[in-house]
Amino acid sequence: MKIAILCPDFPPDHTGLADHTATLAEHLVAHAEVTVITSQRGVRDEATGAVRVWRQVSQWGGRGGRTVGRLLLQLQPDWLIVQYVPHMYGRGGINLMLPLLLLWWRQRGGHILLLIHELYLPWSLRPKRILAAMIQRLMLALSVAAARRVGVSTDVWRQRLERVFPFWRSRFHHLPTPSNVPVAHLTEAEKATVRKQLGLTWDELVLGFFGTLHDSKLMDYVLESLRAVEADGQRARLLCIGPTSQELAQAVNGVSHAPEERIVCTGYVDARCVSQYLSVTDIFLLPLIDGVSSRRSSLMAALSHRLPVVATIGEGTDHLLHESAAFARSPVEEQSAFLENVCALAADEARRRQLAEAGARLYQDQFSWPVVAARLLSLLESKDRP
């Protein structure tokens, strides 16, 4: 089988989508000949192991569409996998070239698996946002029309798309987003060394946060968690993996909820360092405005590293996670309940171990790369047309 993966980002780009594409390619290459078609970024075409990377798309407008079309005609893949994140393909997330390219490829008999990581902009009262939201909905509809299979990163979104497109119902399948951070299995001595490098003492409880400071992250919950644990009389530090101190200050509008000396911000670090830092985290914090879901790779990283997780649940939370006992959960709007969960875990080491083991089992059974890659391959190998 020959597979082409279309994605604007690929390492050395430092994005979650780039890491996801690289890891997906690595898991597929044992079963197929895999080529990634991506942006130029000033880097030449290359072979990363058995994966061929074509960096030939200079921009993702009409010219880029012609480039991708030429490469597809040359490669003639059995399947084209499209990483669908609208804002990655054009300024403001508007680019009708992409769905038109996909429709052209389907017309030529090509098979497309659309992997949806984002849907579209929410409606807004601002005229420009209204127009962008309309166009993104059109982009999604045309892309779904072109696809033979559609993998959706959350089950909530899958159900929504089935209601919107009932005549294409059988095309939609739930494909979660696994962790892009390989686990570095550290000894206790190695963990002590990492803590020392970060300036963390042996008697401090480490509250961890990992990821970008997007508007969907309730950072005031994170900072208040540190204050609440220390108010209970326990020494604690907050370890923010990914953001810089300046980015954190901007995210909370310069309002400090906790002493700066109690917060360690690492800035961007590679996957190995991320794993090391997660390994010295005692409690992982993930308060999200729409609730935790199976598209959140930060959740998957925490679960795969056997960390007890405190998270919010909301309208975006998958049913499996909504009912799960593998992490401490509270409704999005109830900050007090979130803080109570954090403080309760901070005082109960046995409960932390219990949640960590339950979370690791949930990840291995439902969300790990071998599980998701096997589901994806079964979709490609199915001969039934929807």
Foldseek 3Di string as FASTA:
>chain_A
DEEEEEDAAAPVDPDPVNLLVVVLQVVCVVPYQYEYEYAQPVDQWDQDDSYTYHHDQPAQAPVSLVVVVVVCVVRVGQEYEYADDQCSRDPLSAYLSVLVSLQVCVVVVHAYEYEYLDQFDDDDPDPVRNVRRVRSNVSRVSNLVSHQAYEYQFVLVLVVVCVVCVVSNVRYDYFFRAASFDADDDDPVLLCVLCVVQVHDPQAAEEEEEDALDPQFPVVLVQLLCVLQVVVVGHYAYEYEADDPVRSCVSVVNDHSDDPVRYGYDHHDDSVSVNSVLLNHAEYETEGQAWDGRHDNRLNSNLLSLWAYQYEHHSRYHPCVVPDPLHHYDHNVDSVSSSVRSNVCVVDVVVGNVSSVSSNVCCVVPPHPVVSSVVVVVVSPDPDGD
